[in-house]
Amino acid sequence: MKLSTYLTFDGQAREAFTFYQQVLGGTLEMMTFAQAPNPEQFPAEHRERIMHVSLNLGDYALMASNTLPGDNCGGPYEGIKGVSITLSPTSVAEGERLFDGLAVGGKVVMPLEKTFWAERFGMLTDRFGVSWMVNCEQR
């Protein structure tokens, strides 16, 4: 079985995933609602929103889409809540690079520092409202 993370944005998926590719690397695959077999079924003003995006990082994929009017379970979009994406880099230097990159324009919740369980651990919310943890395990 393969487990993947799927995020939902309110119009920022393209910008977020372009940013994530710059920080994390990987290959990006993106499709708009306009590229669907029947694009006319979607509101014209939203057809350039992302229907599906995948950032492929080896055996792992981070995926997302943008919302459309009325597809938010009957309510307004409220952001991504109650979840953090955890990165476990193989070195402290790589952990620092990832943390600093993702923190640009965001908010550091816990600085990247040594803890009793890790060489470095830190938490942040990026500028798109996605929560991240960077955990550099002890050797």
C-alpha atoms as a PDB file:
ATOM      1  CA  MET A   1       0.000   0.000   0.000  1.00  0.00           C
ATOM      2  CA  LYS A   2       1.117   3.536  -0.717  1.00  0.00           C
ATOM      3  CA  LEU A   3       0.009   6.456   1.473  1.00  0.00           C
ATOM      4  CA  SER A   4      -0.072  10.004   0.078  1.00  0.00           C
ATOM      5  CA  THR A   5      -1.022  13.408   1.431  1.00  0.00           C
ATOM      6  CA  TYR A   6      -3.724  15.373  -0.431  1.00  0.00           C
ATOM      7  CA  LEU A   7      -4.263  19.060   0.332  1.00  0.00           C
ATOM      8  CA  THR A   8      -7.061  21.387  -0.735  1.00  0.00           C
ATOM      9  CA  PHE A   9      -6.524  25.068  -1.476  1.00  0.00           C
ATOM     10  CA  ASP A  10      -8.826  27.937  -2.370  1.00  0.00           C
ATOM     11  CA  GLY A  11      -7.021  29.062  -5.516  1.00  0.00           C
ATOM     12  CA  GLN A  12      -3.383  28.849  -4.333  1.00  0.00           C
ATOM     13  CA  ALA A  13      -2.463  25.307  -5.431  1.00  0.00           C
ATOM     14  CA  ARG A  14      -0.363  26.401  -8.428  1.00  0.00           C
ATOM     15  CA  GLU A  15       1.621  28.955  -6.415  1.00  0.00           C
ATOM     16  CA  ALA A  16       2.006  26.621  -3.427  1.00  0.00           C
ATOM     17  CA  PHE A  17       3.226  23.657  -5.461  1.00  0.00           C
ATOM     18  CA  THR A  18       5.615  25.733  -7.545  1.00  0.00           C
ATOM     19  CA  PHE A  19       7.051  26.919  -4.212  1.00  0.00           C
ATOM     20  CA  TYR A  20       7.150  23.372  -2.775  1.00  0.00           C
ATOM     21  CA  GLN A  21       9.010  22.117  -5.847  1.00  0.00           C
ATOM     22  CA  GLN A  22      11.593  24.907  -5.432  1.00  0.00           C
ATOM     23  CA  VAL A  23      12.157  23.930  -1.786  1.00  0.00           C
ATOM     24  CA  LEU A  24      11.699  20.148  -1.879  1.00  0.00           C
ATOM     25  CA  GLY A  25      12.714  19.289  -5.453  1.00  0.00           C
ATOM     26  CA  GLY A  26      10.894  16.500  -7.261  1.00  0.00           C
ATOM     27  CA  THR A  27       8.827  16.531 -10.421  1.00  0.00           C
ATOM     28  CA  LEU A  28       5.587  18.429 -10.776  1.00  0.00           C
ATOM     29  CA  GLU A  29       2.489  17.292 -12.678  1.00  0.00           C
ATOM     30  CA  MET A  30      -0.384  19.760 -12.916  1.00  0.00           C
ATOM     31  CA  MET A  31      -3.827  19.802 -14.576  1.00  0.00           C
ATOM     32  CA  THR A  32      -6.365  22.628 -14.630  1.00  0.00           C
ATOM     33  CA  PHE A  33     -10.144  22.282 -14.754  1.00  0.00           C
ATOM     34  CA  ALA A  34      -9.868  23.648 -18.331  1.00  0.00           C
ATOM     35  CA  GLN A  35      -7.916  20.506 -19.274  1.00  0.00           C
ATOM     36  CA  ALA A  36     -10.708  18.172 -18.149  1.00  0.00           C
ATOM     37  CA  PRO A  37     -12.582  16.204 -20.857  1.00  0.00           C
ATOM     38  CA  ASN A  38     -15.658  18.450 -20.411  1.00  0.00           C
ATOM     39  CA  PRO A  39     -14.344  21.790 -19.136  1.00  0.00           C
ATOM     40  CA  GLU A  40     -17.679  23.491 -19.765  1.00  0.00           C
ATOM     41  CA  GLN A  41     -19.085  21.709 -16.710  1.00  0.00           C
ATOM     42  CA  PHE A  42     -16.964  24.043 -14.542  1.00  0.00           C
ATOM     43  CA  PRO A  43     -17.545  27.797 -14.094  1.00  0.00           C
ATOM     44  CA  ALA A  44     -15.547  29.672 -16.733  1.00  0.00           C
ATOM     45  CA  GLU A  45     -13.934  31.942 -14.138  1.00  0.00           C
ATOM     46  CA  HIS A  46     -12.503  28.915 -12.306  1.00  0.00           C
ATOM     47  CA  ARG A  47     -11.271  26.757 -15.182  1.00  0.00           C
ATOM     48  CA  GLU A  48      -7.652  27.834 -14.706  1.00  0.00           C
ATOM     49  CA  ARG A  49      -7.722  26.625 -11.106  1.00  0.00           C
ATOM     50  CA  ILE A  50      -5.835  23.419 -10.428  1.00  0.00           C
ATOM     51  CA  MET A  51      -7.957  20.282 -10.676  1.00  0.00           C
ATOM     52  CA  HIS A  52      -5.041  18.076  -9.609  1.00  0.00           C
ATOM     53  CA  VAL A  53      -1.355  18.596  -8.879  1.00  0.00           C
ATOM     54  CA  SER A  54       1.226  16.070  -7.768  1.00  0.00           C
ATOM     55  CA  LEU A  55       4.743  16.731  -6.538  1.00  0.00           C
ATOM     56  CA  ASN A  56       6.507  13.414  -6.964  1.00  0.00           C
ATOM     57  CA  LEU A  57       9.409  12.836  -4.591  1.00  0.00           C
ATOM     58  CA  GLY A  58      10.702   9.323  -5.169  1.00  0.00           C
ATOM     59  CA  ASP A  59       8.181   6.869  -3.737  1.00  0.00           C
ATOM     60  CA  TYR A  60       6.185   9.671  -2.112  1.00  0.00           C
ATOM     61  CA  ALA A  61       3.747  12.171  -3.638  1.00  0.00           C
ATOM     62  CA  LEU A  62       2.316  15.351  -2.182  1.00  0.00           C
ATOM     63  CA  MET A  63      -0.920  16.115  -4.012  1.00  0.00           C
ATOM     64  CA  ALA A  64      -3.570  18.822  -4.020  1.00  0.00           C
ATOM     65  CA  SER A  65      -6.358  20.620  -5.836  1.00  0.00           C
ATOM     66  CA  ASN A  66      -8.211  23.902  -5.647  1.00  0.00           C
ATOM     67  CA  THR A  67     -11.787  24.164  -4.504  1.00  0.00           C
ATOM     68  CA  LEU A  68     -14.643  25.251  -6.736  1.00  0.00           C
ATOM     69  CA  PRO A  69     -17.692  27.193  -5.575  1.00  0.00           C
ATOM     70  CA  GLY A  70     -20.073  24.907  -3.717  1.00  0.00           C
ATOM     71  CA  ASP A  71     -17.712  21.932  -3.292  1.00  0.00           C
ATOM     72  CA  ASN A  72     -16.688  22.688   0.296  1.00  0.00           C
ATOM     73  CA  CYS A  73     -19.231  20.423   1.984  1.00  0.00           C
ATOM     74  CA  GLY A  74     -21.769  23.234   1.911  1.00  0.00           C
ATOM     75  CA  GLY A  75     -19.648  25.813   3.724  1.00  0.00           C
ATOM     76  CA  PRO A  76     -16.914  28.330   2.987  1.00  0.00           C
ATOM     77  CA  TYR A  77     -13.319  27.199   2.629  1.00  0.00           C
ATOM     78  CA  GLU A  78     -11.693  27.272   6.068  1.00  0.00           C
ATOM     79  CA  GLY A  79      -8.120  26.338   5.260  1.00  0.00           C
ATOM     80  CA  ILE A  80      -6.090  23.261   6.102  1.00  0.00           C
ATOM     81  CA  LYS A  81      -6.537  22.324   9.758  1.00  0.00           C
ATOM     82  CA  GLY A  82      -5.502  19.585  12.153  1.00  0.00           C
ATOM     83  CA  VAL A  83      -2.650  18.102  10.131  1.00  0.00           C
ATOM     84  CA  SER A  84       1.100  18.633   9.692  1.00  0.00           C
ATOM     85  CA  ILE A  85       3.365  17.306   6.987  1.00  0.00           C
ATOM     86  CA  THR A  86       6.525  15.881   8.545  1.00  0.00           C
ATOM     87  CA  LEU A  87       9.850  15.869   6.734  1.00  0.00           C
ATOM     88  CA  SER A  88      12.656  13.637   8.012  1.00  0.00           C
ATOM     89  CA  PRO A  89      15.823  14.728   6.203  1.00  0.00           C
ATOM     90  CA  THR A  90      18.984  12.651   6.354  1.00  0.00           C
ATOM     91  CA  SER A  91      21.150  15.479   7.733  1.00  0.00           C
ATOM     92  CA  VAL A  92      20.855  18.544   9.941  1.00  0.00           C
ATOM     93  CA  ALA A  93      22.107  20.732   7.094  1.00  0.00           C
ATOM     94  CA  GLU A  94      19.312  19.465   4.828  1.00  0.00           C
ATOM     95  CA  GLY A  95      16.809  19.951   7.660  1.00  0.00           C
ATOM     96  CA  GLU A  96      17.910  23.552   8.095  1.00  0.00           C
ATOM     97  CA  ARG A  97      17.654  24.182   4.343  1.00  0.00           C
ATOM     98  CA  LEU A  98      14.133  22.722   4.193  1.00  0.00           C
ATOM     99  CA  PHE A  99      12.944  24.533   7.328  1.00  0.00           C
ATOM    100  CA  ASP A 100      14.324  27.890   6.221  1.00  0.00           C
ATOM    101  CA  GLY A 101      12.929  27.463   2.707  1.00  0.00           C
ATOM    102  CA  LEU A 102       9.419  26.553   3.815  1.00  0.00           C
ATOM    103  CA  ALA A 103       9.396  29.319   6.457  1.00  0.00           C
ATOM    104  CA  VAL A 104       9.769  32.118   3.865  1.00  0.00           C
ATOM    105  CA  GLY A 105       6.652  34.259   4.235  1.00  0.00           C
ATOM    106  CA  GLY A 106       5.226  31.887   6.842  1.00  0.00           C
ATOM    107  CA  LYS A 107       5.270  31.660  10.629  1.00  0.00           C
ATOM    108  CA  VAL A 108       7.720  29.670  12.760  1.00  0.00           C
ATOM    109  CA  VAL A 109       5.777  27.881  15.499  1.00  0.00           C
ATOM    110  CA  MET A 110       8.803  26.189  17.082  1.00  0.00           C
ATOM    111  CA  PRO A 111      12.339  27.048  15.948  1.00  0.00           C
ATOM    112  CA  LEU A 112      14.460  24.255  14.520  1.00  0.00           C
ATOM    113  CA  GLU A 113      16.555  23.184  17.509  1.00  0.00           C
ATOM    114  CA  LYS A 114      17.963  20.187  19.346  1.00  0.00           C
ATOM    115  CA  THR A 115      15.460  18.230  21.425  1.00  0.00           C
ATOM    116  CA  PHE A 116      15.705  15.132  23.575  1.00  0.00           C
ATOM    117  CA  TRP A 117      14.374  13.016  20.676  1.00  0.00           C
ATOM    118  CA  ALA A 118      16.028  14.651  17.670  1.00  0.00           C
ATOM    119  CA  GLU A 119      19.210  16.369  16.533  1.00  0.00           C
ATOM    120  CA  ARG A 120      16.871  19.126  15.305  1.00  0.00           C
ATOM    121  CA  PHE A 121      13.098  19.537  15.355  1.00  0.00           C
ATOM    122  CA  GLY A 122      10.995  22.506  14.340  1.00  0.00           C
ATOM    123  CA  MET A 123       7.458  23.425  13.328  1.00  0.00           C
ATOM    124  CA  LEU A 124       6.146  26.120  11.018  1.00  0.00           C
ATOM    125  CA  THR A 125       3.107  27.171   9.067  1.00  0.00           C
ATOM    126  CA  ASP A 126       4.007  28.187   5.525  1.00  0.00           C
ATOM    127  CA  ARG A 127       2.582  31.193   3.700  1.00  0.00           C
ATOM    128  CA  PHE A 128      -0.214  29.007   2.276  1.00  0.00           C
ATOM    129  CA  GLY A 129      -1.430  27.885   5.701  1.00  0.00           C
ATOM    130  CA  VAL A 130       0.112  24.394   5.573  1.00  0.00           C
ATOM    131  CA  SER A 131       1.673  23.136   8.804  1.00  0.00           C
ATOM    132  CA  TRP A 132       5.094  21.452   8.549  1.00  0.00           C
ATOM    133  CA  MET A 133       7.370  19.636  10.987  1.00  0.00           C
ATOM    134  CA  VAL A 134      11.037  19.025  10.256  1.00  0.00           C
ATOM    135  CA  ASN A 135      12.515  16.173  12.313  1.00  0.00           C
ATOM    136  CA  CYS A 136      16.227  15.401  12.036  1.00  0.00           C
ATOM    137  CA  GLU A 137      16.453  12.125  13.929  1.00  0.00           C
ATOM    138  CA  GLN A 138      19.321  11.364  16.273  1.00  0.00           C
ATOM    139  CA  ARG A 139      22.102   9.288  14.827  1.00  0.00           C
END
